[in-house]
Every structure is written in C-alpha cells, then in structure tokens.
Amino acid sequence: ADGHVISLENEGDEFIGQLPGHVNFRVSTLPHPTFTRKGDDLFMDLHISLPESLVEFRKSFVHVDGHKVKISRKEVTKPFQVIRIIGEGMPLASNPSRKGDLHVKVIVDFPRKLTQ
C-alpha cells in the first residue's frame, strides 16, 4: 500500500571496516484510471443503464492484474449500491496468497429525456 516501507537489511554499500547498511524503499502508488486502493481493498465505479438497473445486468471488466472479472445481478440494483466481490482486491502484504476485496459502486445512467 502507499507509504509502505520495504527494508533490505545489510544490502547497502560495503566499505572496509564498516558493516553494510540497509536499503529502504518507500512504496508510492500511481493513480489508476479505474481503480482506487485503500489498504488491501480496491474500489471502482461501474456504469449501467436504467433498464439494466431495473431488470438485470451482466458486465465484465479487466482487473489491475489483467484478468477478466464478471459481475451480474438478476434483481433491482439501486443507484450507488455497492457490490462487494470477495478476494478480488490486492494481495495481502502479510500473506500474498490471500487478497482483499473489490467494492464496485454501481452508477445508474438515467436517460436525459424519455422516448415513446
């Protein structure tokens, strides 16, 4: 996560008569156009149409790591409803085989005017 420090002990320059120092890296996360990160969890917005929100929708998108994520609902979806997808967040620093969650905020795109 942003601000996390990775330390490599005794990996710094060596000099005669001195122990090697430590090398410290501070993680700085670049902004992503789709996802934001808070700890191990990811957050994103997903746009759907008004008819999709009232009946059902099926969508897919590309995750940060490149794999395809599918999301669907067969019931009414409220504007700004958040759908949590367990295990689709970022790897946990303490256990990289486990992942945080992905929180998808549904944005319902209303039509600008009604047609017959």
N, C-alpha and C. Protein backbone atom coordinates (compact mmCIF):
# COMPACT_ATOMS: atom_id res chain seq x y z
N ALA A 1 0.84 -1.19 0.00
CA ALA A 1 0.00 0.00 0.00
C ALA A 1 0.88 1.25 0.00
N ASP A 2 0.29 2.36 -0.31
CA ASP A 2 1.02 3.61 -0.39
C ASP A 2 1.69 3.93 0.94
N GLY A 3 2.96 4.29 0.90
CA GLY A 3 3.70 4.65 2.11
C GLY A 3 4.36 3.47 2.80
N HIS A 4 4.06 2.25 2.37
CA HIS A 4 4.67 1.05 2.96
C HIS A 4 6.18 1.08 2.70
N VAL A 5 6.96 0.69 3.69
CA VAL A 5 8.41 0.68 3.56
C VAL A 5 8.90 -0.76 3.47
N ILE A 6 9.73 -1.03 2.47
CA ILE A 6 10.36 -2.34 2.29
C ILE A 6 11.83 -2.16 2.64
N SER A 7 12.30 -2.95 3.61
CA SER A 7 13.70 -2.84 4.05
C SER A 7 14.48 -4.08 3.65
N LEU A 8 15.65 -3.85 3.07
CA LEU A 8 16.58 -4.94 2.75
C LEU A 8 17.79 -4.75 3.66
N GLU A 9 17.84 -5.58 4.70
CA GLU A 9 18.89 -5.42 5.70
C GLU A 9 20.24 -5.88 5.15
N ASN A 10 21.25 -5.11 5.47
CA ASN A 10 22.65 -5.41 5.11
C ASN A 10 22.86 -5.54 3.60
N GLU A 11 22.08 -4.83 2.80
CA GLU A 11 22.22 -4.89 1.34
C GLU A 11 22.79 -3.58 0.78
N GLY A 12 23.16 -2.65 1.65
CA GLY A 12 23.73 -1.38 1.19
C GLY A 12 25.21 -1.52 0.83
N ASP A 13 25.83 -0.40 0.50
CA ASP A 13 27.25 -0.42 0.13
C ASP A 13 28.11 -0.93 1.28
N GLU A 14 29.17 -1.64 0.91
CA GLU A 14 30.12 -2.16 1.89
C GLU A 14 31.42 -1.37 1.78
N PHE A 15 31.99 -1.07 2.93
CA PHE A 15 33.28 -0.39 2.99
C PHE A 15 34.16 -1.16 3.96
N ILE A 16 35.45 -1.08 3.75
CA ILE A 16 36.39 -1.77 4.64
C ILE A 16 36.22 -1.22 6.05
N GLY A 17 36.01 -2.14 6.98
CA GLY A 17 35.87 -1.75 8.37
C GLY A 17 34.46 -1.32 8.75
N GLN A 18 33.52 -1.38 7.83
CA GLN A 18 32.14 -0.99 8.14
C GLN A 18 31.19 -2.10 7.70
N LEU A 19 30.15 -2.27 8.48
CA LEU A 19 29.10 -3.22 8.09
C LEU A 19 28.25 -2.59 6.98
N PRO A 20 27.71 -3.41 6.07
CA PRO A 20 26.83 -2.84 5.03
C PRO A 20 25.57 -2.27 5.66
N GLY A 21 25.10 -1.20 5.09
CA GLY A 21 23.89 -0.57 5.59
C GLY A 21 22.64 -1.23 5.06
N HIS A 22 21.52 -0.70 5.45
CA HIS A 22 20.22 -1.20 4.99
C HIS A 22 19.74 -0.36 3.82
N VAL A 23 18.97 -0.97 2.93
CA VAL A 23 18.35 -0.26 1.82
C VAL A 23 16.85 -0.23 2.08
N ASN A 24 16.28 0.97 2.10
CA ASN A 24 14.84 1.13 2.35
C ASN A 24 14.15 1.70 1.12
N PHE A 25 13.03 1.08 0.74
CA PHE A 25 12.20 1.57 -0.35
C PHE A 25 10.84 1.97 0.22
N ARG A 26 10.36 3.14 -0.15
CA ARG A 26 9.02 3.56 0.25
C ARG A 26 8.11 3.43 -0.98
N VAL A 27 7.03 2.67 -0.83
CA VAL A 27 6.10 2.42 -1.94
C VAL A 27 5.25 3.66 -2.19
N SER A 28 5.19 4.05 -3.44
CA SER A 28 4.34 5.16 -3.86
C SER A 28 3.43 4.66 -4.97
N THR A 29 2.15 4.68 -4.73
CA THR A 29 1.17 4.13 -5.67
C THR A 29 0.76 5.19 -6.68
N LEU A 30 0.84 4.85 -7.96
CA LEU A 30 0.39 5.76 -9.01
C LEU A 30 -1.12 5.66 -9.16
N PRO A 31 -1.79 6.75 -9.51
CA PRO A 31 -3.24 6.68 -9.71
C PRO A 31 -3.59 5.79 -10.90
N HIS A 32 -4.70 5.10 -10.80
CA HIS A 32 -5.20 4.22 -11.86
C HIS A 32 -6.49 4.83 -12.39
N PRO A 33 -6.75 4.74 -13.69
CA PRO A 33 -7.96 5.37 -14.24
C PRO A 33 -9.28 4.71 -13.78
N THR A 34 -9.23 3.45 -13.35
CA THR A 34 -10.46 2.74 -12.97
C THR A 34 -10.53 2.44 -11.48
N PHE A 35 -9.42 2.04 -10.88
CA PHE A 35 -9.42 1.55 -9.51
C PHE A 35 -8.76 2.53 -8.55
N THR A 36 -9.26 2.55 -7.31
CA THR A 36 -8.56 3.21 -6.21
C THR A 36 -8.31 2.16 -5.16
N ARG A 37 -7.27 2.36 -4.39
CA ARG A 37 -6.88 1.37 -3.38
C ARG A 37 -6.95 1.97 -1.99
N LYS A 38 -7.50 1.19 -1.06
CA LYS A 38 -7.48 1.54 0.36
C LYS A 38 -7.05 0.27 1.09
N GLY A 39 -5.80 0.26 1.53
CA GLY A 39 -5.27 -0.95 2.15
C GLY A 39 -5.18 -2.06 1.12
N ASP A 40 -5.80 -3.20 1.43
CA ASP A 40 -5.78 -4.34 0.51
C ASP A 40 -7.03 -4.38 -0.37
N ASP A 41 -7.96 -3.45 -0.18
CA ASP A 41 -9.19 -3.44 -0.95
C ASP A 41 -9.10 -2.47 -2.14
N LEU A 42 -9.80 -2.83 -3.21
CA LEU A 42 -9.90 -1.98 -4.39
C LEU A 42 -11.33 -1.46 -4.49
N PHE A 43 -11.48 -0.27 -5.08
CA PHE A 43 -12.78 0.36 -5.27
C PHE A 43 -12.89 0.84 -6.71
N MET A 44 -14.07 0.70 -7.29
CA MET A 44 -14.29 1.17 -8.66
C MET A 44 -15.76 1.52 -8.84
N ASP A 45 -16.04 2.30 -9.89
CA ASP A 45 -17.41 2.62 -10.30
C ASP A 45 -17.74 1.80 -11.54
N LEU A 46 -19.00 1.35 -11.62
CA LEU A 46 -19.48 0.60 -12.78
C LEU A 46 -20.76 1.26 -13.26
N HIS A 47 -20.78 1.70 -14.51
CA HIS A 47 -21.96 2.35 -15.08
C HIS A 47 -22.88 1.32 -15.72
N ILE A 48 -24.17 1.42 -15.39
CA ILE A 48 -25.19 0.59 -16.03
C ILE A 48 -26.35 1.50 -16.45
N SER A 49 -27.17 1.02 -17.37
CA SER A 49 -28.32 1.80 -17.83
C SER A 49 -29.49 1.64 -16.86
N LEU A 50 -30.48 2.51 -16.99
CA LEU A 50 -31.68 2.42 -16.16
C LEU A 50 -32.39 1.07 -16.36
N PRO A 51 -32.62 0.61 -17.61
CA PRO A 51 -33.25 -0.71 -17.76
C PRO A 51 -32.44 -1.84 -17.10
N GLU A 52 -31.11 -1.76 -17.20
CA GLU A 52 -30.28 -2.78 -16.56
C GLU A 52 -30.45 -2.76 -15.04
N SER A 53 -30.62 -1.57 -14.48
CA SER A 53 -30.77 -1.47 -13.03
C SER A 53 -32.11 -2.02 -12.55
N LEU A 54 -33.13 -1.99 -13.42
CA LEU A 54 -34.46 -2.44 -13.03
C LEU A 54 -34.69 -3.93 -13.25
N VAL A 55 -33.98 -4.54 -14.18
CA VAL A 55 -34.23 -5.95 -14.52
C VAL A 55 -33.01 -6.80 -14.11
N GLU A 56 -31.97 -6.70 -14.89
CA GLU A 56 -30.74 -7.44 -14.62
C GLU A 56 -29.62 -6.87 -15.46
N PHE A 57 -28.38 -7.18 -15.08
CA PHE A 57 -27.25 -6.80 -15.92
C PHE A 57 -26.15 -7.84 -15.79
N ARG A 58 -25.34 -7.89 -16.83
CA ARG A 58 -24.12 -8.71 -16.87
C ARG A 58 -23.02 -7.83 -17.46
N LYS A 59 -21.96 -7.68 -16.74
CA LYS A 59 -20.84 -6.85 -17.21
C LYS A 59 -19.54 -7.60 -16.92
N SER A 60 -18.52 -7.19 -17.62
CA SER A 60 -17.17 -7.69 -17.32
C SER A 60 -16.20 -6.54 -17.53
N PHE A 61 -15.07 -6.63 -16.86
CA PHE A 61 -14.03 -5.61 -16.97
C PHE A 61 -12.69 -6.26 -16.69
N VAL A 62 -11.64 -5.56 -17.06
CA VAL A 62 -10.28 -6.08 -16.87
C VAL A 62 -9.75 -5.57 -15.53
N HIS A 63 -9.28 -6.52 -14.73
CA HIS A 63 -8.74 -6.23 -13.40
C HIS A 63 -7.35 -5.59 -13.55
N VAL A 64 -6.83 -5.04 -12.47
CA VAL A 64 -5.49 -4.42 -12.46
C VAL A 64 -4.44 -5.41 -12.96
N ASP A 65 -4.57 -6.68 -12.58
CA ASP A 65 -3.56 -7.67 -12.97
C ASP A 65 -3.82 -8.29 -14.34
N GLY A 66 -4.86 -7.82 -15.05
CA GLY A 66 -5.10 -8.25 -16.43
C GLY A 66 -6.15 -9.33 -16.61
N HIS A 67 -6.63 -9.96 -15.53
CA HIS A 67 -7.65 -11.00 -15.71
C HIS A 67 -9.04 -10.36 -15.79
N LYS A 68 -9.96 -11.09 -16.42
CA LYS A 68 -11.32 -10.59 -16.62
C LYS A 68 -12.18 -10.92 -15.40
N VAL A 69 -12.92 -9.92 -14.93
CA VAL A 69 -13.85 -10.10 -13.82
C VAL A 69 -15.26 -9.94 -14.36
N LYS A 70 -16.12 -10.89 -14.03
CA LYS A 70 -17.53 -10.83 -14.45
C LYS A 70 -18.38 -10.50 -13.25
N ILE A 71 -19.38 -9.66 -13.48
CA ILE A 71 -20.31 -9.28 -12.43
C ILE A 71 -21.72 -9.27 -13.03
N SER A 72 -22.68 -9.78 -12.27
CA SER A 72 -24.06 -9.80 -12.77
C SER A 72 -25.02 -9.75 -11.59
N ARG A 73 -26.22 -9.28 -11.87
CA ARG A 73 -27.32 -9.26 -10.89
C ARG A 73 -28.61 -9.54 -11.64
N LYS A 74 -29.51 -10.26 -10.99
CA LYS A 74 -30.81 -10.57 -11.58
C LYS A 74 -31.94 -9.96 -10.75
N GLU A 75 -31.65 -8.86 -10.12
CA GLU A 75 -32.65 -8.17 -9.32
C GLU A 75 -32.42 -6.67 -9.43
N VAL A 76 -33.29 -5.89 -8.85
CA VAL A 76 -33.19 -4.44 -8.93
C VAL A 76 -31.89 -3.99 -8.26
N THR A 77 -31.19 -3.10 -8.95
CA THR A 77 -29.94 -2.53 -8.42
C THR A 77 -30.17 -1.05 -8.21
N LYS A 78 -29.99 -0.59 -6.99
CA LYS A 78 -30.21 0.81 -6.66
C LYS A 78 -29.02 1.66 -7.08
N PRO A 79 -29.27 2.93 -7.42
CA PRO A 79 -28.15 3.83 -7.73
C PRO A 79 -27.19 3.91 -6.54
N PHE A 80 -25.92 3.85 -6.81
CA PHE A 80 -24.83 3.94 -5.84
C PHE A 80 -24.74 2.73 -4.91
N GLN A 81 -25.45 1.66 -5.25
CA GLN A 81 -25.33 0.42 -4.49
C GLN A 81 -23.92 -0.12 -4.66
N VAL A 82 -23.36 -0.65 -3.59
CA VAL A 82 -22.01 -1.21 -3.63
C VAL A 82 -22.10 -2.73 -3.59
N ILE A 83 -21.45 -3.35 -4.56
CA ILE A 83 -21.38 -4.81 -4.63
C ILE A 83 -19.95 -5.21 -4.26
N ARG A 84 -19.84 -6.06 -3.25
CA ARG A 84 -18.53 -6.49 -2.77
C ARG A 84 -18.18 -7.84 -3.39
N ILE A 85 -17.01 -7.90 -4.04
CA ILE A 85 -16.53 -9.16 -4.62
C ILE A 85 -15.34 -9.61 -3.77
N ILE A 86 -15.55 -10.65 -3.00
CA ILE A 86 -14.55 -11.13 -2.06
C ILE A 86 -13.36 -11.74 -2.82
N GLY A 87 -12.16 -11.37 -2.39
CA GLY A 87 -10.94 -11.95 -2.95
C GLY A 87 -10.48 -11.36 -4.27
N GLU A 88 -11.08 -10.24 -4.71
CA GLU A 88 -10.67 -9.61 -5.97
C GLU A 88 -9.91 -8.30 -5.73
N GLY A 89 -9.44 -8.09 -4.49
CA GLY A 89 -8.65 -6.91 -4.18
C GLY A 89 -7.17 -7.17 -4.42
N MET A 90 -6.34 -6.47 -3.68
CA MET A 90 -4.89 -6.60 -3.81
C MET A 90 -4.38 -7.68 -2.85
N PRO A 91 -3.24 -8.31 -3.20
CA PRO A 91 -2.66 -9.31 -2.30
C PRO A 91 -2.31 -8.70 -0.94
N LEU A 92 -2.53 -9.47 0.12
CA LEU A 92 -2.18 -9.02 1.46
C LEU A 92 -0.66 -9.05 1.62
N ALA A 93 -0.09 -7.99 2.19
CA ALA A 93 1.37 -7.92 2.37
C ALA A 93 1.85 -9.06 3.26
N SER A 94 1.06 -9.42 4.27
CA SER A 94 1.47 -10.46 5.22
C SER A 94 1.26 -11.87 4.67
N ASN A 95 0.39 -12.01 3.65
CA ASN A 95 0.09 -13.33 3.08
C ASN A 95 -0.34 -13.14 1.63
N PRO A 96 0.61 -13.05 0.68
CA PRO A 96 0.30 -12.73 -0.71
C PRO A 96 -0.63 -13.71 -1.42
N SER A 97 -0.85 -14.89 -0.85
CA SER A 97 -1.78 -15.84 -1.47
C SER A 97 -3.24 -15.46 -1.17
N ARG A 98 -3.46 -14.58 -0.21
CA ARG A 98 -4.80 -14.07 0.10
C ARG A 98 -4.93 -12.66 -0.46
N LYS A 99 -6.18 -12.28 -0.78
CA LYS A 99 -6.40 -10.94 -1.35
C LYS A 99 -7.52 -10.23 -0.61
N GLY A 100 -7.47 -8.90 -0.71
CA GLY A 100 -8.55 -8.09 -0.19
C GLY A 100 -9.77 -8.21 -1.09
N ASP A 101 -10.72 -7.31 -0.93
CA ASP A 101 -11.97 -7.36 -1.68
C ASP A 101 -12.05 -6.21 -2.68
N LEU A 102 -12.91 -6.40 -3.67
CA LEU A 102 -13.20 -5.36 -4.66
C LEU A 102 -14.60 -4.84 -4.37
N HIS A 103 -14.72 -3.53 -4.22
CA HIS A 103 -16.00 -2.88 -3.95
C HIS A 103 -16.43 -2.12 -5.20
N VAL A 104 -17.51 -2.57 -5.81
CA VAL A 104 -17.99 -1.98 -7.06
C VAL A 104 -19.21 -1.11 -6.76
N LYS A 105 -19.05 0.20 -6.97
CA LYS A 105 -20.18 1.12 -6.79
C LYS A 105 -20.90 1.25 -8.12
N VAL A 106 -22.19 0.92 -8.12
CA VAL A 106 -22.97 0.93 -9.35
C VAL A 106 -23.54 2.34 -9.58
N ILE A 107 -23.21 2.89 -10.74
CA ILE A 107 -23.72 4.20 -11.15
C ILE A 107 -24.79 3.94 -12.21
N VAL A 108 -26.02 4.34 -11.92
CA VAL A 108 -27.11 4.15 -12.88
C VAL A 108 -27.18 5.39 -13.77
N ASP A 109 -26.99 5.18 -15.07
CA ASP A 109 -27.07 6.28 -16.03
C ASP A 109 -28.51 6.47 -16.46
N PHE A 110 -29.12 7.56 -16.01
CA PHE A 110 -30.50 7.86 -16.37
C PHE A 110 -30.53 8.55 -17.73
N PRO A 111 -31.58 8.28 -18.52
CA PRO A 111 -31.68 8.97 -19.83
C PRO A 111 -31.92 10.47 -19.62
N ARG A 112 -31.43 11.25 -20.56
CA ARG A 112 -31.63 12.71 -20.48
C ARG A 112 -33.07 13.11 -20.78
N LYS A 113 -33.71 12.31 -21.66
CA LYS A 113 -35.14 12.53 -21.94
C LYS A 113 -35.77 11.21 -22.30
N LEU A 114 -37.07 11.13 -22.12
CA LEU A 114 -37.78 9.88 -22.40
C LEU A 114 -38.27 9.86 -23.84
N THR A 115 -38.24 8.66 -24.42
CA THR A 115 -38.81 8.46 -25.76
C THR A 115 -40.03 7.56 -25.62
N GLN A 116 -40.81 7.50 -26.67
CA GLN A 116 -42.03 6.69 -26.58
C GLN A 116 -41.77 5.25 -26.88
